Amino acid sequence: MLSLIIFLPLVGILLIALLPKKFEAASKWIALVTSVADFGLIVWLFTQFKLGSGAMQFVTKIKWIPQLNIFYHLGIDGLSLPLLALSTLLIAVATVASWKTEVKPRLYFSMILLLSVGLSGVFLSLDLVLFYLFWEIVLIPMYFLISQWGGPRRQYAALKFFLYTFFGSVFMLVGIAALFIYTGSFDMIALRQMTAGLGSGAFGTAAWWIFAALALGFAVKIPIWPFHTWLPDAHVEAPTAGSALLAGIMLKMGLYGFLRIAIPILPQAFHHWQLIIAILAVISIVYGAAVAFAQTDIKKLIAYSSVSHMGFAMLGIAAGTAAGFNGAMVVAISHGLISAMLFLLVGVVYERTHTREISKLSGVAAAMPRYAGLFCFASFAAMGVPLLSGFVGEFLSLVGAWGSSAVPHILVILAALGILLGGAYMLWLMQRFIFGTPSPAVEGQPEISVREVSMIVPLAAFVVAIGVYWALLLQYTDPIAKVLQKLVGA
């Protein structure tokens, strides 16, 4: 079943490749049916998943390269299942968002489906070599989505995205190779019992350096300050669907790497990195929120808000407590839903006005009231208003950090100020963008369409469901959070 989930999009790519040129417009239908079918398989997985267990389920393990002890090893638990569901859902939504794509549609929708293959592989792999291969696969389609269908500076943004993330991947590969040299294994689960001989984790030990290499690779992908500079450029130049996927799920790969690999395999080194991670997380929270105030482009403002929100996830990780780990995982899912909504809604206006400059887009509520309502909902969710999912993750991260002996209380207080800044810049955006007298670019524009609403409604439904009924998500993440807390000895 897990292999089918990973490789089903390849069938869609093959069908698109076989389409005659005169029927290439049908590629969007093939991509949509394939992505919806893939999401349907995830829904079936939820019905078969055993709650309350931190163990791997639906495990597949086949010898692949026995000379190097490399296996085709897949499995799923409460950490990977929600991320896999988010990934396949956003791929389907991104396909709908790209419905009007007319430039090289076969290649475009093939890249969307290839991205799905890589993302599913990352979240299901239990062998480090297999994980790394899928991690690199993700890089390829996103590079082409930005460079071929992006904005005026798309080549620069795509190259910057590629170089930054490939740079991080090289360090991650060094860490993976070092783990194999010391232990003889690439098995993520077995390695948890095999790294005691790498030292106490203090500066200078093998464990410290390996953790540093892995953490650098994951930090660039998240990204946390100061490895964030590729993100605003990539978001601004990427097509709407690319931005939604980049913020919605690709940033979560780095967070997943910390929770699946770096922390459980090298908990002794994690203790010596906790304070550094917490400091960088708080800088990301405050810096991202502060810089968002200075933006004149809506997309860039939302991009910097992503830096701030992902800082809360890293603060939860730095805490090393069950509440903190739960907070990090909930932030990952919640931010994926909310940021995707915001980027998709910005894309709706951009398609009509061909501008994202806030100064040219006032008074949207008068011209497009239904659109304005959806944008305000997404903005309140991003602020962390109670009864919406944004509140749950940030609250748990702050609670987990406050209860941690490794995180000074002053850092938690500064992080809480980041929430105030987040509310301020989103209200400031709504005041200028949604309300007031309609600008010439906005006046007379048609209301949001049924197709466009269909992209937003599923995401909004999950935002409300998680915000009202926390257990909807915590019943999957809490067993993993407790396992992680036990591994790090918090």
Protein backbone atom coordinates (compact mmCIF):
# COMPACT_ATOMS: atom_id res chain seq x y z
CA MET A 1 0.00 0.00 0.00
CA LEU A 2 2.78 2.48 0.89
CA SER A 3 4.61 1.74 -2.36
CA LEU A 4 1.37 2.30 -4.27
CA ILE A 5 0.92 5.68 -2.59
CA ILE A 6 4.46 6.72 -3.56
CA PHE A 7 4.48 5.52 -7.14
CA LEU A 8 0.85 5.96 -8.28
CA PRO A 9 1.68 9.50 -9.56
CA LEU A 10 4.26 7.91 -11.89
CA VAL A 11 1.34 6.20 -13.66
CA GLY A 12 -0.19 9.65 -14.16
CA ILE A 13 3.10 10.96 -15.53
CA LEU A 14 3.28 8.06 -17.98
CA LEU A 15 -0.29 8.68 -19.19
CA ILE A 16 0.46 12.39 -19.65
CA ALA A 17 3.60 11.53 -21.62
CA LEU A 18 1.58 9.29 -23.95
CA LEU A 19 -0.96 12.02 -24.74
CA PRO A 20 -0.87 13.26 -28.34
CA LYS A 21 0.03 16.94 -28.54
CA LYS A 22 -3.47 17.95 -29.65
CA PHE A 23 -4.89 16.43 -26.44
CA GLU A 24 -2.26 17.81 -24.05
CA ALA A 25 -4.93 19.94 -22.34
CA ALA A 26 -6.23 16.67 -20.87
CA SER A 27 -3.06 16.41 -18.77
CA LYS A 28 -4.75 18.47 -16.02
CA TRP A 29 -7.54 15.91 -15.78
CA ILE A 30 -5.07 13.04 -15.54
CA ALA A 31 -3.14 14.90 -12.83
CA LEU A 32 -6.33 15.66 -10.90
CA VAL A 33 -7.69 12.10 -11.03
CA THR A 34 -4.29 10.68 -10.05
CA SER A 35 -3.81 13.08 -7.13
CA VAL A 36 -7.35 12.57 -5.82
CA ALA A 37 -6.90 8.78 -6.05
CA ASP A 38 -3.62 9.10 -4.12
CA PHE A 39 -5.37 11.12 -1.41
CA GLY A 40 -8.11 8.48 -1.35
CA LEU A 41 -5.50 5.85 -0.50
CA ILE A 42 -4.41 8.00 2.45
CA VAL A 43 -8.01 8.23 3.65
CA TRP A 44 -8.15 4.42 3.56
CA LEU A 45 -4.89 4.31 5.57
CA PHE A 46 -6.51 6.43 8.27
CA THR A 47 -9.32 3.88 8.60
CA GLN A 48 -6.78 1.05 9.07
CA PHE A 49 -4.30 2.90 11.29
CA LYS A 50 -4.07 1.72 14.92
CA LEU A 51 -4.27 4.69 17.28
CA GLY A 52 -2.31 4.95 20.53
CA SER A 53 0.85 3.32 19.22
CA GLY A 54 4.19 4.96 18.53
CA ALA A 55 5.37 1.97 16.51
CA MET A 56 5.70 1.78 12.74
CA GLN A 57 2.77 0.30 10.82
CA PHE A 58 2.34 -1.08 7.27
CA VAL A 59 6.08 -1.83 7.21
CA THR A 60 7.77 -2.99 3.99
CA LYS A 61 11.42 -4.07 4.11
CA ILE A 62 13.16 -5.56 1.08
CA LYS A 63 16.89 -5.96 0.40
CA TRP A 64 17.97 -3.39 -2.17
CA ILE A 65 21.77 -3.09 -2.08
CA PRO A 66 22.83 -5.83 0.36
CA GLN A 67 26.55 -5.10 -0.07
CA LEU A 68 26.03 -1.77 1.71
CA ASN A 69 23.18 -2.91 3.96
CA ILE A 70 20.72 -0.64 2.11
CA PHE A 71 17.03 -1.63 2.16
CA TYR A 72 13.86 -0.53 0.44
CA HIS A 73 12.32 0.14 3.84
CA LEU A 74 8.98 1.92 4.30
CA GLY A 75 6.71 2.49 7.27
CA ILE A 76 4.22 4.95 8.71
CA ASP A 77 3.34 6.28 12.16
CA GLY A 78 1.55 9.22 13.77
CA LEU A 79 4.28 11.63 12.66
CA SER A 80 4.34 10.74 8.98
CA LEU A 81 0.63 9.95 8.40
CA PRO A 82 -0.70 13.52 8.92
CA LEU A 83 2.15 14.97 6.82
CA LEU A 84 1.45 12.43 4.08
CA ALA A 85 -2.23 13.39 4.13
CA LEU A 86 -1.33 17.09 3.95
CA SER A 87 1.04 16.43 1.05
CA THR A 88 -1.43 14.50 -1.11
CA LEU A 89 -4.25 16.95 -0.32
CA LEU A 90 -2.14 19.95 -1.35
CA ILE A 91 -1.03 18.21 -4.56
CA ALA A 92 -4.70 17.80 -5.53
CA VAL A 93 -5.47 21.41 -4.57
CA ALA A 94 -2.42 22.66 -6.51
CA THR A 95 -3.70 20.83 -9.58
CA VAL A 96 -7.03 22.67 -9.34
CA ALA A 97 -5.17 25.96 -8.78
CA SER A 98 -3.22 25.34 -12.01
CA TRP A 99 -6.31 24.64 -14.13
CA LYS A 100 -5.72 27.54 -16.52
CA THR A 101 -2.08 26.66 -17.23
CA GLU A 102 -1.58 26.75 -21.00
CA VAL A 103 2.22 26.88 -21.33
CA LYS A 104 3.66 23.36 -21.61
CA PRO A 105 0.79 21.79 -19.63
CA ARG A 106 2.13 18.24 -20.00
CA LEU A 107 5.46 19.14 -18.46
CA TYR A 108 3.85 21.32 -15.79
CA PHE A 109 1.45 18.68 -14.47
CA SER A 110 4.13 16.00 -14.75
CA MET A 111 6.31 18.11 -12.44
CA ILE A 112 3.43 18.42 -9.94
CA LEU A 113 3.02 14.63 -9.90
CA LEU A 114 6.78 14.03 -9.66
CA LEU A 115 6.82 16.33 -6.65
CA SER A 116 4.17 14.10 -5.09
CA VAL A 117 6.40 11.04 -5.59
CA GLY A 118 9.31 12.72 -3.81
CA LEU A 119 7.25 14.07 -0.93
CA SER A 120 5.51 10.75 -0.22
CA GLY A 121 8.85 8.96 -0.39
CA VAL A 122 10.42 11.34 2.13
CA PHE A 123 7.63 10.81 4.66
CA LEU A 124 7.55 7.01 4.27
CA SER A 125 11.25 6.08 4.01
CA LEU A 126 12.91 4.32 6.95
CA ASP A 127 16.29 3.85 5.24
CA LEU A 128 18.56 6.91 5.18
CA VAL A 129 19.77 6.33 1.61
CA LEU A 130 16.21 5.90 0.35
CA PHE A 131 15.21 9.01 2.32
CA TYR A 132 18.02 11.02 0.73
CA LEU A 133 17.10 9.93 -2.80
CA PHE A 134 13.47 11.03 -2.37
CA TRP A 135 14.67 14.25 -0.68
CA GLU A 136 16.67 15.11 -3.79
CA ILE A 137 13.84 14.13 -6.14
CA VAL A 138 11.69 16.87 -4.57
CA LEU A 139 14.28 19.46 -5.52
CA ILE A 140 14.02 18.78 -9.28
CA PRO A 141 10.32 19.49 -10.04
CA MET A 142 10.23 22.56 -7.78
CA TYR A 143 13.27 23.98 -9.58
CA PHE A 144 11.50 23.61 -12.92
CA LEU A 145 8.17 24.93 -11.63
CA ILE A 146 9.91 28.14 -10.55
CA SER A 147 12.30 28.49 -13.50
CA GLN A 148 9.77 27.70 -16.26
CA TRP A 149 6.46 29.08 -14.94
CA GLY A 150 7.60 31.70 -12.43
CA GLY A 151 7.73 35.50 -12.48
CA PRO A 152 10.14 37.92 -14.16
CA ARG A 153 13.11 36.96 -11.93
CA ARG A 154 12.32 33.26 -12.02
CA GLN A 155 15.77 32.12 -13.20
CA TYR A 156 17.51 33.91 -10.33
CA ALA A 157 15.01 32.63 -7.76
CA ALA A 158 15.15 29.04 -9.06
CA LEU A 159 18.95 29.00 -9.04
CA LYS A 160 19.07 30.45 -5.52
CA PHE A 161 16.52 27.89 -4.33
CA PHE A 162 18.50 25.05 -5.92
CA LEU A 163 21.89 26.14 -4.59
CA TYR A 164 20.71 26.78 -1.03
CA THR A 165 18.79 23.53 -0.68
CA PHE A 166 21.44 21.47 -2.48
CA PHE A 167 24.07 23.01 -0.19
CA GLY A 168 22.07 21.83 2.83
CA SER A 169 21.57 18.41 1.27
CA VAL A 170 25.33 17.91 0.87
CA PHE A 171 25.88 18.44 4.60
CA MET A 172 23.00 16.08 5.35
CA LEU A 173 24.63 13.45 3.11
CA VAL A 174 27.90 13.86 5.02
CA GLY A 175 26.04 13.20 8.27
CA ILE A 176 24.33 10.11 6.80
CA ALA A 177 27.66 8.75 5.54
CA ALA A 178 29.29 9.35 8.93
CA LEU A 179 26.49 7.47 10.69
CA PHE A 180 27.03 4.50 8.37
CA ILE A 181 30.81 4.54 8.91
CA TYR A 182 30.38 4.41 12.69
CA THR A 183 27.43 1.99 12.86
CA GLY A 184 27.26 0.06 9.57
CA SER A 185 23.53 0.77 9.24
CA PHE A 186 21.19 3.13 7.40
CA ASP A 187 18.10 1.89 9.28
CA MET A 188 16.43 4.89 11.00
CA ILE A 189 14.82 2.75 13.71
CA ALA A 190 17.79 0.46 14.41
CA LEU A 191 20.17 3.44 14.60
CA ARG A 192 18.41 4.65 17.75
CA GLN A 193 20.13 1.81 19.61
CA MET A 194 23.49 2.03 17.82
CA THR A 195 24.82 5.56 18.40
CA ALA A 196 25.82 5.40 22.08
CA GLY A 197 29.45 4.94 21.05
CA LEU A 198 29.56 8.28 19.25
CA GLY A 199 30.31 10.16 22.45
CA SER A 200 28.39 12.28 24.94
CA GLY A 201 27.31 14.71 22.27
CA ALA A 202 29.45 17.51 23.69
CA PHE A 203 31.37 19.79 21.34
CA GLY A 204 34.08 17.90 19.48
CA THR A 205 32.55 14.43 19.75
CA ALA A 206 31.45 12.51 16.66
CA ALA A 207 27.81 12.75 17.73
CA TRP A 208 28.03 16.57 17.96
CA TRP A 209 29.48 16.93 14.46
CA ILE A 210 27.06 14.46 12.86
CA PHE A 211 24.10 16.20 14.47
CA ALA A 212 25.47 19.53 13.21
CA ALA A 213 25.69 18.21 9.63
CA LEU A 214 22.17 16.78 9.70
CA ALA A 215 20.72 19.85 11.44
CA LEU A 216 22.24 22.21 8.86
CA GLY A 217 20.58 20.31 6.02
CA PHE A 218 17.22 20.35 7.76
CA ALA A 219 17.51 24.00 8.93
CA VAL A 220 18.02 25.25 5.37
CA LYS A 221 14.85 23.49 4.24
CA ILE A 222 12.63 24.78 7.09
CA PRO A 223 14.16 27.49 6.85
CA ILE A 224 15.24 29.12 10.10
CA TRP A 225 17.30 32.28 10.45
CA PRO A 226 19.94 32.84 9.04
CA PHE A 227 19.34 30.21 6.31
CA HIS A 228 16.06 31.75 5.17
CA THR A 229 17.09 34.18 2.40
CA TRP A 230 16.19 31.83 -0.47
CA LEU A 231 12.57 31.58 0.66
CA PRO A 232 11.13 35.06 -0.12
CA ASP A 233 12.63 35.07 -3.63
CA ALA A 234 11.37 31.56 -4.35
CA HIS A 235 7.86 32.40 -3.12
CA VAL A 236 7.57 35.68 -5.01
CA GLU A 237 8.68 34.21 -8.34
CA ALA A 238 7.01 30.78 -8.08
CA PRO A 239 3.61 30.21 -9.72
CA THR A 240 0.67 30.16 -7.31
CA ALA A 241 0.58 26.38 -7.00
CA GLY A 242 4.35 26.30 -6.49
CA SER A 243 4.14 28.80 -3.63
CA ALA A 244 1.32 26.84 -1.99
CA LEU A 245 3.29 23.59 -2.17
CA LEU A 246 6.55 25.20 -1.11
CA ALA A 247 5.08 26.77 2.04
CA GLY A 248 2.41 24.15 2.60
CA ILE A 249 4.49 21.00 2.62
CA MET A 250 8.10 21.36 1.41
CA LEU A 251 9.19 23.45 4.41
CA LYS A 252 7.87 20.64 6.64
CA MET A 253 10.48 18.25 5.25
CA GLY A 254 13.16 19.93 7.36
CA LEU A 255 11.02 19.77 10.49
CA TYR A 256 10.29 16.11 9.76
CA GLY A 257 14.03 15.46 9.42
CA PHE A 258 14.65 16.78 12.92
CA LEU A 259 11.84 14.69 14.41
CA ARG A 260 12.50 11.49 12.47
CA ILE A 261 16.30 11.43 12.16
CA ALA A 262 18.45 13.95 14.02
CA ILE A 263 16.79 13.93 17.46
CA PRO A 264 15.84 10.25 17.94
CA ILE A 265 19.12 8.94 16.52
CA LEU A 266 21.42 11.43 18.28
CA PRO A 267 19.60 12.47 21.48
CA GLN A 268 22.90 12.92 23.35
CA ALA A 269 23.96 15.59 20.86
CA PHE A 270 20.50 17.17 20.83
CA HIS A 271 20.93 18.13 24.49
CA HIS A 272 23.99 20.20 23.57
CA TRP A 273 22.15 21.87 20.69
CA GLN A 274 18.83 22.63 22.42
CA LEU A 275 19.68 26.17 23.54
CA ILE A 276 21.17 27.07 20.13
CA ILE A 277 18.06 25.79 18.35
CA ALA A 278 15.82 27.73 20.78
CA ILE A 279 17.75 30.97 20.22
CA LEU A 280 17.61 30.60 16.41
CA ALA A 281 13.90 29.75 16.65
CA VAL A 282 13.10 32.91 18.62
CA ILE A 283 15.19 35.05 16.26
CA SER A 284 13.22 33.54 13.36
CA ILE A 285 9.91 34.30 15.09
CA VAL A 286 10.67 37.95 15.86
CA TYR A 287 12.74 38.68 12.74
CA GLY A 288 10.23 37.13 10.34
CA ALA A 289 7.34 39.05 11.91
CA ALA A 290 9.26 42.34 11.98
CA VAL A 291 10.42 42.12 8.37
CA ALA A 292 6.89 41.23 7.24
CA PHE A 293 5.86 44.76 8.28
CA ALA A 294 8.23 46.28 5.72
CA GLN A 295 6.88 44.38 2.71
CA THR A 296 4.91 46.00 -0.10
CA ASP A 297 4.30 42.70 -1.96
CA ILE A 298 1.61 40.47 -0.39
CA LYS A 299 3.41 37.28 -1.39
CA LYS A 300 6.66 38.41 0.21
CA LEU A 301 4.81 39.40 3.38
CA ILE A 302 3.32 35.90 3.65
CA ALA A 303 6.73 34.38 2.89
CA TYR A 304 8.34 36.19 5.82
CA SER A 305 5.38 35.20 8.01
CA SER A 306 6.29 31.58 7.19
CA VAL A 307 9.77 32.15 8.62
CA SER A 308 8.13 33.45 11.80
CA HIS A 309 5.57 30.64 12.14
CA MET A 310 8.07 27.85 11.48
CA GLY A 311 10.14 29.39 14.29
CA PHE A 312 7.38 28.28 16.70
CA ALA A 313 7.76 24.71 15.44
CA MET A 314 11.51 24.85 16.07
CA LEU A 315 10.93 26.31 19.54
CA GLY A 316 8.68 23.34 20.32
CA ILE A 317 11.41 20.98 19.13
CA ALA A 318 14.06 22.78 21.19
CA ALA A 319 11.92 22.29 24.32
CA GLY A 320 12.38 18.52 24.15
CA THR A 321 9.07 17.96 25.98
CA ALA A 322 5.99 16.06 24.87
CA ALA A 323 3.98 19.30 24.71
CA GLY A 324 6.73 20.93 22.66
CA PHE A 325 6.97 18.04 20.20
CA ASN A 326 3.17 17.99 19.87
CA GLY A 327 3.25 21.73 19.25
CA ALA A 328 5.89 21.38 16.54
CA MET A 329 3.88 18.72 14.73
CA VAL A 330 0.61 20.66 14.98
CA VAL A 331 2.32 23.86 13.76
CA ALA A 332 3.61 21.90 10.77
CA ILE A 333 0.14 20.74 9.74
CA SER A 334 -1.63 23.99 10.63
CA HIS A 335 0.87 26.23 8.87
CA GLY A 336 0.71 23.96 5.84
CA LEU A 337 -3.05 24.47 5.58
CA ILE A 338 -3.08 28.19 6.38
CA SER A 339 -0.10 29.28 4.27
CA ALA A 340 -1.43 27.32 1.29
CA MET A 341 -4.79 29.09 1.67
CA LEU A 342 -3.14 32.51 1.79
CA PHE A 343 -0.93 31.90 -1.26
CA LEU A 344 -3.85 30.49 -3.24
CA LEU A 345 -6.01 33.51 -2.37
CA VAL A 346 -3.23 35.91 -3.37
CA GLY A 347 -3.02 34.01 -6.66
CA VAL A 348 -6.75 34.61 -7.25
CA VAL A 349 -6.28 38.38 -7.09
CA TYR A 350 -3.05 38.29 -9.08
CA GLU A 351 -4.77 36.44 -11.94
CA ARG A 352 -7.29 39.28 -12.16
CA THR A 353 -5.11 42.35 -11.52
CA HIS A 354 -1.59 41.17 -12.45
CA THR A 355 -0.17 42.92 -9.41
CA ARG A 356 0.63 41.96 -5.82
CA GLU A 357 1.53 45.46 -4.63
CA ILE A 358 -0.53 46.21 -1.53
CA SER A 359 -0.73 49.93 -2.40
CA LYS A 360 -2.54 49.06 -5.65
CA LEU A 361 -4.99 46.57 -4.15
CA SER A 362 -7.24 48.38 -1.68
CA GLY A 363 -10.95 47.86 -1.18
CA VAL A 364 -11.23 44.22 -2.23
CA ALA A 365 -14.24 43.73 0.07
CA ALA A 366 -16.37 46.13 -1.97
CA ALA A 367 -15.60 44.44 -5.28
CA MET A 368 -15.27 40.79 -4.13
CA PRO A 369 -17.07 40.32 -0.78
CA ARG A 370 -16.96 36.49 -0.75
CA TYR A 371 -13.26 36.56 -1.54
CA ALA A 372 -12.72 39.11 1.24
CA GLY A 373 -14.47 36.84 3.73
CA LEU A 374 -12.23 33.89 2.86
CA PHE A 375 -9.08 36.03 3.04
CA CYS A 376 -10.08 37.40 6.45
CA PHE A 377 -10.71 33.85 7.68
CA ALA A 378 -7.25 32.73 6.52
CA SER A 379 -5.69 35.84 8.08
CA PHE A 380 -7.33 35.20 11.46
CA ALA A 381 -6.14 31.59 11.30
CA ALA A 382 -2.60 32.81 10.62
CA MET A 383 -2.84 35.13 13.66
CA GLY A 384 -3.55 32.17 15.92
CA VAL A 385 -7.11 33.11 16.86
CA PRO A 386 -8.62 30.48 19.24
CA LEU A 387 -10.86 27.81 17.69
CA LEU A 388 -8.63 27.78 14.60
CA SER A 389 -5.67 25.44 14.12
CA GLY A 390 -3.04 28.21 14.24
CA PHE A 391 -3.74 28.71 17.94
CA VAL A 392 -3.30 25.05 18.87
CA GLY A 393 0.25 24.59 17.59
CA GLU A 394 1.65 27.88 18.87
CA PHE A 395 0.01 27.42 22.28
CA LEU A 396 1.46 23.92 22.70
CA SER A 397 4.91 25.07 21.55
CA LEU A 398 4.93 27.88 24.11
CA VAL A 399 3.66 25.59 26.89
CA GLY A 400 6.26 22.97 26.02
CA ALA A 401 9.06 25.55 25.92
CA TRP A 402 8.01 27.15 29.23
CA GLY A 403 8.08 23.73 30.91
CA SER A 404 11.52 22.87 29.55
CA SER A 405 14.66 23.25 31.66
CA ALA A 406 16.68 23.76 28.46
CA VAL A 407 14.84 26.89 27.26
CA PRO A 408 15.19 30.11 29.33
CA HIS A 409 11.86 31.76 30.10
CA ILE A 410 13.01 35.03 28.52
CA LEU A 411 13.10 33.27 25.13
CA VAL A 412 9.52 32.06 25.60
CA ILE A 413 8.40 35.60 26.46
CA LEU A 414 10.11 36.97 23.34
CA ALA A 415 8.44 34.26 21.26
CA ALA A 416 5.06 35.28 22.69
CA LEU A 417 5.76 38.84 21.52
CA GLY A 418 6.14 37.33 18.06
CA ILE A 419 2.46 36.33 18.24
CA LEU A 420 1.52 39.95 18.90
CA LEU A 421 3.62 41.09 15.94
CA GLY A 422 1.99 38.42 13.79
CA GLY A 423 -1.46 39.68 14.66
CA ALA A 424 -0.38 43.26 14.00
CA TYR A 425 1.02 42.72 10.49
CA MET A 426 -1.92 40.59 9.39
CA LEU A 427 -4.41 43.21 10.65
CA TRP A 428 -2.33 45.89 8.94
CA LEU A 429 -2.49 43.89 5.68
CA MET A 430 -6.25 43.38 5.97
CA GLN A 431 -6.82 47.08 6.64
CA ARG A 432 -4.96 48.12 3.49
CA PHE A 433 -5.91 45.21 1.22
CA ILE A 434 -9.47 44.27 2.14
CA PHE A 435 -11.05 47.50 3.32
CA GLY A 436 -11.25 51.06 2.06
CA THR A 437 -12.15 52.47 -1.35
CA PRO A 438 -11.55 50.04 -4.23
CA SER A 439 -8.43 50.88 -6.19
CA PRO A 440 -8.55 51.07 -10.02
CA ALA A 441 -6.94 47.61 -10.26
CA VAL A 442 -9.61 46.06 -8.03
CA GLU A 443 -12.75 47.91 -9.10
CA GLY A 444 -15.03 45.85 -11.32
CA GLN A 445 -13.16 42.58 -10.87
CA PRO A 446 -15.30 39.41 -10.89
CA GLU A 447 -16.06 37.58 -7.65
CA ILE A 448 -14.13 34.46 -6.67
CA SER A 449 -15.29 31.51 -8.80
CA VAL A 450 -16.63 28.11 -7.74
CA ARG A 451 -13.37 26.45 -8.84
CA GLU A 452 -11.35 28.86 -6.76
CA VAL A 453 -13.59 28.39 -3.73
CA SER A 454 -13.20 24.61 -4.09
CA MET A 455 -9.44 25.04 -3.50
CA ILE A 456 -9.98 26.86 -0.22
CA VAL A 457 -12.93 25.07 1.41
CA PRO A 458 -11.20 21.71 2.16
CA LEU A 459 -8.23 23.51 3.74
CA ALA A 460 -10.50 25.81 5.76
CA ALA A 461 -12.54 22.84 6.99
CA PHE A 462 -9.44 21.17 8.45
CA VAL A 463 -8.31 24.48 10.02
CA VAL A 464 -11.62 24.70 11.89
CA ALA A 465 -11.77 20.99 12.74
CA ILE A 466 -8.29 20.96 14.31
CA GLY A 467 -8.89 24.26 16.09
CA VAL A 468 -12.15 23.09 17.67
CA TYR A 469 -11.33 19.42 18.26
CA TRP A 470 -7.62 19.19 19.08
CA ALA A 471 -7.72 15.41 19.47
CA LEU A 472 -8.40 15.09 15.75
CA LEU A 473 -4.65 15.58 15.26
CA LEU A 474 -3.18 14.99 18.72
CA GLN A 475 -4.41 11.39 18.83
CA TYR A 476 -1.86 10.71 16.08
CA THR A 477 1.00 12.95 17.23
CA ASP A 478 0.89 12.44 21.02
CA PRO A 479 2.23 8.84 21.04
CA ILE A 480 5.16 10.01 18.88
CA ALA A 481 5.75 13.04 21.13
CA LYS A 482 5.94 10.76 24.17
CA VAL A 483 8.39 8.43 22.42
CA LEU A 484 10.60 11.39 21.49
CA GLN A 485 10.46 12.77 25.03
CA LYS A 486 11.53 9.38 26.36
CA LEU A 487 14.39 9.14 23.85
CA VAL A 488 15.79 12.54 24.80
CA GLY A 489 15.23 11.89 28.49
CA ALA A 490 13.23 15.07 29.12
